[in-house]
Amino acid sequence: MEVEVAVLRNVCWLEVTGKFRTVALAPMTKYKIAFVVTMTGSYYHWGVPVTFTVTLPNGKKEERVESLSTVRQQRW
């Protein structure tokens, strides 16, 4: 499996968009979407909650709010 990695140097807004072909997914099965985050060097202001939103094929939006201040440095 290939994984794309983004390195952010100085940012106040990040929006990730994409599409996934759902025809290969089995009906009545739960799936997860994961964002893997690691912090390097100095970082600040991550005490502000981050909102993750996914839009489902039926148009319904699911949101989850997390704080990235608890992410350990240099750990995947």
PDB file of N, CA and C in Angstrom:
ATOM      1  N   MET A   1       0.836  -1.169   0.000  1.00  0.00           N
ATOM      2  CA  MET A   1       0.000   0.000   0.000  1.00  0.00           C
ATOM      3  C   MET A   1       0.886   1.238   0.000  1.00  0.00           C
ATOM      4  N   GLU A   2       0.594   2.184  -0.866  1.00  0.00           N
ATOM      5  CA  GLU A   2       1.310   3.449  -0.890  1.00  0.00           C
ATOM      6  C   GLU A   2       0.590   4.472  -0.026  1.00  0.00           C
ATOM      7  N   VAL A   3       1.366   5.279   0.667  1.00  0.00           N
ATOM      8  CA  VAL A   3       0.808   6.315   1.530  1.00  0.00           C
ATOM      9  C   VAL A   3       1.420   7.648   1.133  1.00  0.00           C
ATOM     10  N   GLU A   4       0.574   8.636   0.871  1.00  0.00           N
ATOM     11  CA  GLU A   4       1.065   9.978   0.587  1.00  0.00           C
ATOM     12  C   GLU A   4       1.332  10.689   1.905  1.00  0.00           C
ATOM     13  N   VAL A   5       2.436  11.415   1.964  1.00  0.00           N
ATOM     14  CA  VAL A   5       2.805  12.135   3.173  1.00  0.00           C
ATOM     15  C   VAL A   5       2.961  13.609   2.836  1.00  0.00           C
ATOM     16  N   ALA A   6       2.307  14.452   3.603  1.00  0.00           N
ATOM     17  CA  ALA A   6       2.430  15.905   3.447  1.00  0.00           C
ATOM     18  C   ALA A   6       3.256  16.441   4.604  1.00  0.00           C
ATOM     19  N   VAL A   7       4.151  17.352   4.316  1.00  0.00           N
ATOM     20  CA  VAL A   7       4.937  18.010   5.348  1.00  0.00           C
ATOM     21  C   VAL A   7       4.515  19.476   5.356  1.00  0.00           C
ATOM     22  N   LEU A   8       3.991  19.919   6.477  1.00  0.00           N
ATOM     23  CA  LEU A   8       3.527  21.297   6.609  1.00  0.00           C
ATOM     24  C   LEU A   8       4.535  22.082   7.435  1.00  0.00           C
ATOM     25  N   ARG A   9       4.983  23.186   6.898  1.00  0.00           N
ATOM     26  CA  ARG A   9       5.976  24.013   7.589  1.00  0.00           C
ATOM     27  C   ARG A   9       5.338  25.137   8.384  1.00  0.00           C
ATOM     28  N   ASN A  10       4.362  25.802   7.794  1.00  0.00           N
ATOM     29  CA  ASN A  10       3.696  26.925   8.454  1.00  0.00           C
ATOM     30  C   ASN A  10       2.298  27.020   7.849  1.00  0.00           C
ATOM     31  N   VAL A  11       1.304  26.683   8.636  1.00  0.00           N
ATOM     32  CA  VAL A  11      -0.041  26.616   8.087  1.00  0.00           C
ATOM     33  C   VAL A  11      -1.056  26.993   9.164  1.00  0.00           C
ATOM     34  N   CYS A  12      -2.131  27.630   8.735  1.00  0.00           N
ATOM     35  CA  CYS A  12      -3.211  27.936   9.668  1.00  0.00           C
ATOM     36  C   CYS A  12      -4.512  27.279   9.205  1.00  0.00           C
ATOM     37  N   TRP A  13      -4.492  26.685   8.000  1.00  0.00           N
ATOM     38  CA  TRP A  13      -5.690  26.026   7.475  1.00  0.00           C
ATOM     39  C   TRP A  13      -5.240  24.872   6.599  1.00  0.00           C
ATOM     40  N   LEU A  14      -5.833  23.715   6.776  1.00  0.00           N
ATOM     41  CA  LEU A  14      -5.532  22.557   5.941  1.00  0.00           C
ATOM     42  C   LEU A  14      -6.838  21.897   5.563  1.00  0.00           C
ATOM     43  N   GLU A  15      -7.025  21.702   4.283  1.00  0.00           N
ATOM     44  CA  GLU A  15      -8.217  21.019   3.805  1.00  0.00           C
ATOM     45  C   GLU A  15      -7.764  19.874   2.914  1.00  0.00           C
ATOM     46  N   VAL A  16      -8.192  18.671   3.249  1.00  0.00           N
ATOM     47  CA  VAL A  16      -7.856  17.489   2.471  1.00  0.00           C
ATOM     48  C   VAL A  16      -9.129  17.018   1.798  1.00  0.00           C
ATOM     49  N   THR A  17      -9.083  16.852   0.478  1.00  0.00           N
ATOM     50  CA  THR A  17     -10.254  16.367  -0.235  1.00  0.00           C
ATOM     51  C   THR A  17      -9.859  15.164  -1.068  1.00  0.00           C
ATOM     52  N   GLY A  18     -10.827  14.338  -1.361  1.00  0.00           N
ATOM     53  CA  GLY A  18     -10.584  13.171  -2.191  1.00  0.00           C
ATOM     54  C   GLY A  18     -11.866  12.401  -2.404  1.00  0.00           C
ATOM     55  N   LYS A  19     -11.786  11.444  -3.286  1.00  0.00           N
ATOM     56  CA  LYS A  19     -12.938  10.591  -3.554  1.00  0.00           C
ATOM     57  C   LYS A  19     -12.485   9.144  -3.514  1.00  0.00           C
ATOM     58  N   PHE A  20     -13.392   8.291  -3.149  1.00  0.00           N
ATOM     59  CA  PHE A  20     -13.108   6.863  -3.064  1.00  0.00           C
ATOM     60  C   PHE A  20     -14.233   6.111  -3.752  1.00  0.00           C
ATOM     61  N   ARG A  21     -13.892   5.201  -4.635  1.00  0.00           N
ATOM     62  CA  ARG A  21     -14.914   4.413  -5.320  1.00  0.00           C
ATOM     63  C   ARG A  21     -15.498   3.397  -4.337  1.00  0.00           C
ATOM     64  N   THR A  22     -16.768   3.566  -4.047  1.00  0.00           N
ATOM     65  CA  THR A  22     -17.409   2.720  -3.031  1.00  0.00           C
ATOM     66  C   THR A  22     -18.021   1.445  -3.602  1.00  0.00           C
ATOM     67  N   VAL A  23     -17.982   1.237  -4.909  1.00  0.00           N
ATOM     68  CA  VAL A  23     -18.614   0.048  -5.494  1.00  0.00           C
ATOM     69  C   VAL A  23     -17.943  -1.240  -5.037  1.00  0.00           C
ATOM     70  N   ALA A  24     -16.660  -1.174  -4.651  1.00  0.00           N
ATOM     71  CA  ALA A  24     -15.950  -2.373  -4.203  1.00  0.00           C
ATOM     72  C   ALA A  24     -16.192  -2.690  -2.728  1.00  0.00           C
ATOM     73  N   LEU A  25     -16.880  -1.810  -2.012  1.00  0.00           N
ATOM     74  CA  LEU A  25     -17.130  -2.033  -0.587  1.00  0.00           C
ATOM     75  C   LEU A  25     -18.336  -2.929  -0.385  1.00  0.00           C
ATOM     76  N   ALA A  26     -18.252  -3.763   0.634  1.00  0.00           N
ATOM     77  CA  ALA A  26     -19.355  -4.669   0.943  1.00  0.00           C
ATOM     78  C   ALA A  26     -20.469  -3.919   1.667  1.00  0.00           C
ATOM     79  N   PRO A  27     -21.716  -4.149   1.275  1.00  0.00           N
ATOM     80  CA  PRO A  27     -22.831  -3.509   1.976  1.00  0.00           C
ATOM     81  C   PRO A  27     -22.935  -4.003   3.421  1.00  0.00           C
ATOM     82  N   MET A  28     -23.490  -3.163   4.271  1.00  0.00           N
ATOM     83  CA  MET A  28     -23.719  -3.486   5.687  1.00  0.00           C
ATOM     84  C   MET A  28     -22.406  -3.771   6.435  1.00  0.00           C
ATOM     85  N   THR A  29     -21.317  -3.168   5.993  1.00  0.00           N
ATOM     86  CA  THR A  29     -20.015  -3.330   6.634  1.00  0.00           C
ATOM     87  C   THR A  29     -19.538  -1.960   7.071  1.00  0.00           C
ATOM     88  N   LYS A  30     -18.976  -1.868   8.278  1.00  0.00           N
ATOM     89  CA  LYS A  30     -18.443  -0.603   8.766  1.00  0.00           C
ATOM     90  C   LYS A  30     -16.992  -0.463   8.334  1.00  0.00           C
ATOM     91  N   TYR A  31     -16.642   0.740   7.884  1.00  0.00           N
ATOM     92  CA  TYR A  31     -15.282   1.054   7.465  1.00  0.00           C
ATOM     93  C   TYR A  31     -14.787   2.257   8.242  1.00  0.00           C
ATOM     94  N   LYS A  32     -13.459   2.435   8.309  1.00  0.00           N
ATOM     95  CA  LYS A  32     -12.852   3.566   8.999  1.00  0.00           C
ATOM     96  C   LYS A  32     -12.068   4.410   8.022  1.00  0.00           C
ATOM     97  N   ILE A  33     -12.032   5.698   8.292  1.00  0.00           N
ATOM     98  CA  ILE A  33     -11.145   6.634   7.612  1.00  0.00           C
ATOM     99  C   ILE A  33     -10.159   7.108   8.673  1.00  0.00           C
ATOM    100  N   ALA A  34      -8.873   7.085   8.345  1.00  0.00           N
ATOM    101  CA  ALA A  34      -7.875   7.457   9.344  1.00  0.00           C
ATOM    102  C   ALA A  34      -6.950   8.534   8.813  1.00  0.00           C
ATOM    103  N   PHE A  35      -6.659   9.506   9.657  1.00  0.00           N
ATOM    104  CA  PHE A  35      -5.626  10.493   9.398  1.00  0.00           C
ATOM    105  C   PHE A  35      -4.503  10.182  10.374  1.00  0.00           C
ATOM    106  N   VAL A  36      -3.320   9.908   9.862  1.00  0.00           N
ATOM    107  CA  VAL A  36      -2.170   9.616  10.710  1.00  0.00           C
ATOM    108  C   VAL A  36      -1.335  10.881  10.781  1.00  0.00           C
ATOM    109  N   VAL A  37      -1.115  11.367  12.007  1.00  0.00           N
ATOM    110  CA  VAL A  37      -0.440  12.645  12.213  1.00  0.00           C
ATOM    111  C   VAL A  37       0.759  12.443  13.115  1.00  0.00           C
ATOM    112  N   THR A  38       1.879  13.049  12.745  1.00  0.00           N
ATOM    113  CA  THR A  38       3.036  13.105  13.629  1.00  0.00           C
ATOM    114  C   THR A  38       3.547  14.541  13.647  1.00  0.00           C
ATOM    115  N   MET A  39       4.054  14.965  14.766  1.00  0.00           N
ATOM    116  CA  MET A  39       4.569  16.319  14.908  1.00  0.00           C
ATOM    117  C   MET A  39       6.086  16.246  15.016  1.00  0.00           C
ATOM    118  N   THR A  40       6.767  17.136  14.312  1.00  0.00           N
ATOM    119  CA  THR A  40       8.218  17.210  14.398  1.00  0.00           C
ATOM    120  C   THR A  40       8.614  18.641  14.723  1.00  0.00           C
ATOM    121  N   GLY A  41       9.747  18.798  15.351  1.00  0.00           N
ATOM    122  CA  GLY A  41      10.212  20.141  15.679  1.00  0.00           C
ATOM    123  C   GLY A  41       9.282  20.831  16.655  1.00  0.00           C
ATOM    124  N   SER A  42       9.286  22.146  16.604  1.00  0.00           N
ATOM    125  CA  SER A  42       8.420  22.895  17.514  1.00  0.00           C
ATOM    126  C   SER A  42       7.073  23.143  16.847  1.00  0.00           C
ATOM    127  N   TYR A  43       6.051  23.063  17.625  1.00  0.00           N
ATOM    128  CA  TYR A  43       4.714  23.377  17.140  1.00  0.00           C
ATOM    129  C   TYR A  43       3.940  24.018  18.272  1.00  0.00           C
ATOM    130  N   TYR A  44       2.994  24.841  17.909  1.00  0.00           N
ATOM    131  CA  TYR A  44       2.232  25.565  18.907  1.00  0.00           C
ATOM    132  C   TYR A  44       0.830  25.808  18.383  1.00  0.00           C
ATOM    133  N   HIS A  45      -0.043  26.209  19.228  1.00  0.00           N
ATOM    134  CA  HIS A  45      -1.445  26.513  18.911  1.00  0.00           C
ATOM    135  C   HIS A  45      -2.251  25.273  18.520  1.00  0.00           C
ATOM    136  N   TRP A  46      -1.756  24.084  18.825  1.00  0.00           N
ATOM    137  CA  TRP A  46      -2.535  22.885  18.490  1.00  0.00           C
ATOM    138  C   TRP A  46      -3.535  22.547  19.576  1.00  0.00           C
ATOM    139  N   GLY A  47      -3.641  23.400  20.602  1.00  0.00           N
ATOM    140  CA  GLY A  47      -4.664  23.195  21.620  1.00  0.00           C
ATOM    141  C   GLY A  47      -6.058  23.504  21.088  1.00  0.00           C
ATOM    142  N   VAL A  48      -6.125  24.205  19.964  1.00  0.00           N
ATOM    143  CA  VAL A  48      -7.400  24.535  19.327  1.00  0.00           C
ATOM    144  C   VAL A  48      -7.927  23.270  18.661  1.00  0.00           C
ATOM    145  N   PRO A  49      -9.171  22.897  18.891  1.00  0.00           N
ATOM    146  CA  PRO A  49      -9.704  21.675  18.295  1.00  0.00           C
ATOM    147  C   PRO A  49      -9.695  21.700  16.768  1.00  0.00           C
ATOM    148  N   VAL A  50      -9.488  20.546  16.186  1.00  0.00           N
ATOM    149  CA  VAL A  50      -9.486  20.363  14.735  1.00  0.00           C
ATOM    150  C   VAL A  50     -10.738  19.578  14.367  1.00  0.00           C
ATOM    151  N   THR A  51     -11.431  20.016  13.330  1.00  0.00           N
ATOM    152  CA  THR A  51     -12.650  19.336  12.892  1.00  0.00           C
ATOM    153  C   THR A  51     -12.362  18.500  11.656  1.00  0.00           C
ATOM    154  N   PHE A  52     -12.652  17.210  11.741  1.00  0.00           N
ATOM    155  CA  PHE A  52     -12.545  16.295  10.608  1.00  0.00           C
ATOM    156  C   PHE A  52     -13.953  16.041  10.095  1.00  0.00           C
ATOM    157  N   THR A  53     -14.160  16.208   8.793  1.00  0.00           N
ATOM    158  CA  THR A  53     -15.482  16.025   8.201  1.00  0.00           C
ATOM    159  C   THR A  53     -15.377  15.093   7.006  1.00  0.00           C
ATOM    160  N   VAL A  54     -16.306  14.156   6.914  1.00  0.00           N
ATOM    161  CA  VAL A  54     -16.397  13.290   5.739  1.00  0.00           C
ATOM    162  C   VAL A  54     -17.823  13.385   5.207  1.00  0.00           C
ATOM    163  N   THR A  55     -17.934  13.480   3.892  1.00  0.00           N
ATOM    164  CA  THR A  55     -19.244  13.511   3.255  1.00  0.00           C
ATOM    165  C   THR A  55     -19.514  12.148   2.646  1.00  0.00           C
ATOM    166  N   LEU A  56     -20.589  11.524   3.076  1.00  0.00           N
ATOM    167  CA  LEU A  56     -20.958  10.185   2.609  1.00  0.00           C
ATOM    168  C   LEU A  56     -21.617  10.254   1.239  1.00  0.00           C
ATOM    169  N   PRO A  57     -21.687   9.117   0.533  1.00  0.00           N
ATOM    170  CA  PRO A  57     -22.298   9.123  -0.804  1.00  0.00           C
ATOM    171  C   PRO A  57     -23.720   9.676  -0.844  1.00  0.00           C
ATOM    172  N   ASN A  58     -24.456   9.547   0.243  1.00  0.00           N
ATOM    173  CA  ASN A  58     -25.832  10.065   0.280  1.00  0.00           C
ATOM    174  C   ASN A  58     -25.889  11.561   0.606  1.00  0.00           C
ATOM    175  N   GLY A  59     -24.709  12.208   0.738  1.00  0.00           N
ATOM    176  CA  GLY A  59     -24.653  13.639   1.020  1.00  0.00           C
ATOM    177  C   GLY A  59     -24.579  13.976   2.499  1.00  0.00           C
ATOM    178  N   LYS A  60     -24.815  13.001   3.366  1.00  0.00           N
ATOM    179  CA  LYS A  60     -24.759  13.233   4.810  1.00  0.00           C
ATOM    180  C   LYS A  60     -23.313  13.472   5.240  1.00  0.00           C
ATOM    181  N   LYS A  61     -23.119  14.456   6.135  1.00  0.00           N
ATOM    182  CA  LYS A  61     -21.785  14.771   6.631  1.00  0.00           C
ATOM    183  C   LYS A  61     -21.614  14.239   8.044  1.00  0.00           C
ATOM    184  N   GLU A  62     -20.475  13.618   8.275  1.00  0.00           N
ATOM    185  CA  GLU A  62     -20.107  13.135   9.607  1.00  0.00           C
ATOM    186  C   GLU A  62     -18.925  13.967  10.068  1.00  0.00           C
ATOM    187  N   GLU A  63     -18.978  14.478  11.304  1.00  0.00           N
ATOM    188  CA  GLU A  63     -17.893  15.303  11.841  1.00  0.00           C
ATOM    189  C   GLU A  63     -17.365  14.727  13.143  1.00  0.00           C
ATOM    190  N   ARG A  64     -16.080  14.949  13.350  1.00  0.00           N
ATOM    191  CA  ARG A  64     -15.452  14.573  14.612  1.00  0.00           C
ATOM    192  C   ARG A  64     -14.452  15.667  14.964  1.00  0.00           C
ATOM    193  N   VAL A  65     -14.462  16.107  16.204  1.00  0.00           N
ATOM    194  CA  VAL A  65     -13.564  17.168  16.672  1.00  0.00           C
ATOM    195  C   VAL A  65     -12.513  16.533  17.581  1.00  0.00           C
ATOM    196  N   GLU A  66     -11.252  16.808  17.288  1.00  0.00           N
ATOM    197  CA  GLU A  66     -10.139  16.255  18.067  1.00  0.00           C
ATOM    198  C   GLU A  66      -9.139  17.354  18.381  1.00  0.00           C
ATOM    199  N   SER A  67      -8.375  17.169  19.435  1.00  0.00           N
ATOM    200  CA  SER A  67      -7.273  18.076  19.760  1.00  0.00           C
ATOM    201  C   SER A  67      -5.971  17.390  19.371  1.00  0.00           C
ATOM    202  N   LEU A  68      -5.149  18.055  18.574  1.00  0.00           N
ATOM    203  CA  LEU A  68      -3.865  17.489  18.167  1.00  0.00           C
ATOM    204  C   LEU A  68      -2.762  17.793  19.174  1.00  0.00           C
ATOM    205  N   SER A  69      -3.103  18.475  20.251  1.00  0.00           N
ATOM    206  CA  SER A  69      -2.092  18.815  21.254  1.00  0.00           C
ATOM    207  C   SER A  69      -1.571  17.582  21.987  1.00  0.00           C
ATOM    208  N   THR A  70      -2.308  16.478  21.906  1.00  0.00           N
ATOM    209  CA  THR A  70      -1.886  15.258  22.594  1.00  0.00           C
ATOM    210  C   THR A  70      -1.057  14.339  21.708  1.00  0.00           C
ATOM    211  N   VAL A  71      -0.832  14.725  20.434  1.00  0.00           N
ATOM    212  CA  VAL A  71      -0.043  13.911  19.531  1.00  0.00           C
ATOM    213  C   VAL A  71       1.420  13.985  19.971  1.00  0.00           C
ATOM    214  N   ARG A  72       2.032  12.810  20.144  1.00  0.00           N
ATOM    215  CA  ARG A  72       3.431  12.785  20.569  1.00  0.00           C
ATOM    216  C   ARG A  72       4.347  13.099  19.400  1.00  0.00           C
ATOM    217  N   GLN A  73       5.425  13.836  19.683  1.00  0.00           N
ATOM    218  CA  GLN A  73       6.373  14.181  18.628  1.00  0.00           C
ATOM    219  C   GLN A  73       7.116  12.951  18.133  1.00  0.00           C
ATOM    220  N   GLN A  74       7.393  12.956  16.827  1.00  0.00           N
ATOM    221  CA  GLN A  74       8.234  11.946  16.183  1.00  0.00           C
ATOM    222  C   GLN A  74       7.681  10.523  16.303  1.00  0.00           C
ATOM    223  N   ARG A  75       6.394  10.367  16.560  1.00  0.00           N
ATOM    224  CA  ARG A  75       5.790   9.025  16.685  1.00  0.00           C
ATOM    225  C   ARG A  75       4.713   8.855  15.651  1.00  0.00           C
ATOM    226  N   TRP A  76       4.672   7.727  14.986  1.00  0.00           N
ATOM    227  CA  TRP A  76       3.604   7.385  14.032  1.00  0.00           C
ATOM    228  C   TRP A  76       2.589   6.542  14.727  1.00  0.00           C
TER     229      TRP A  76
END
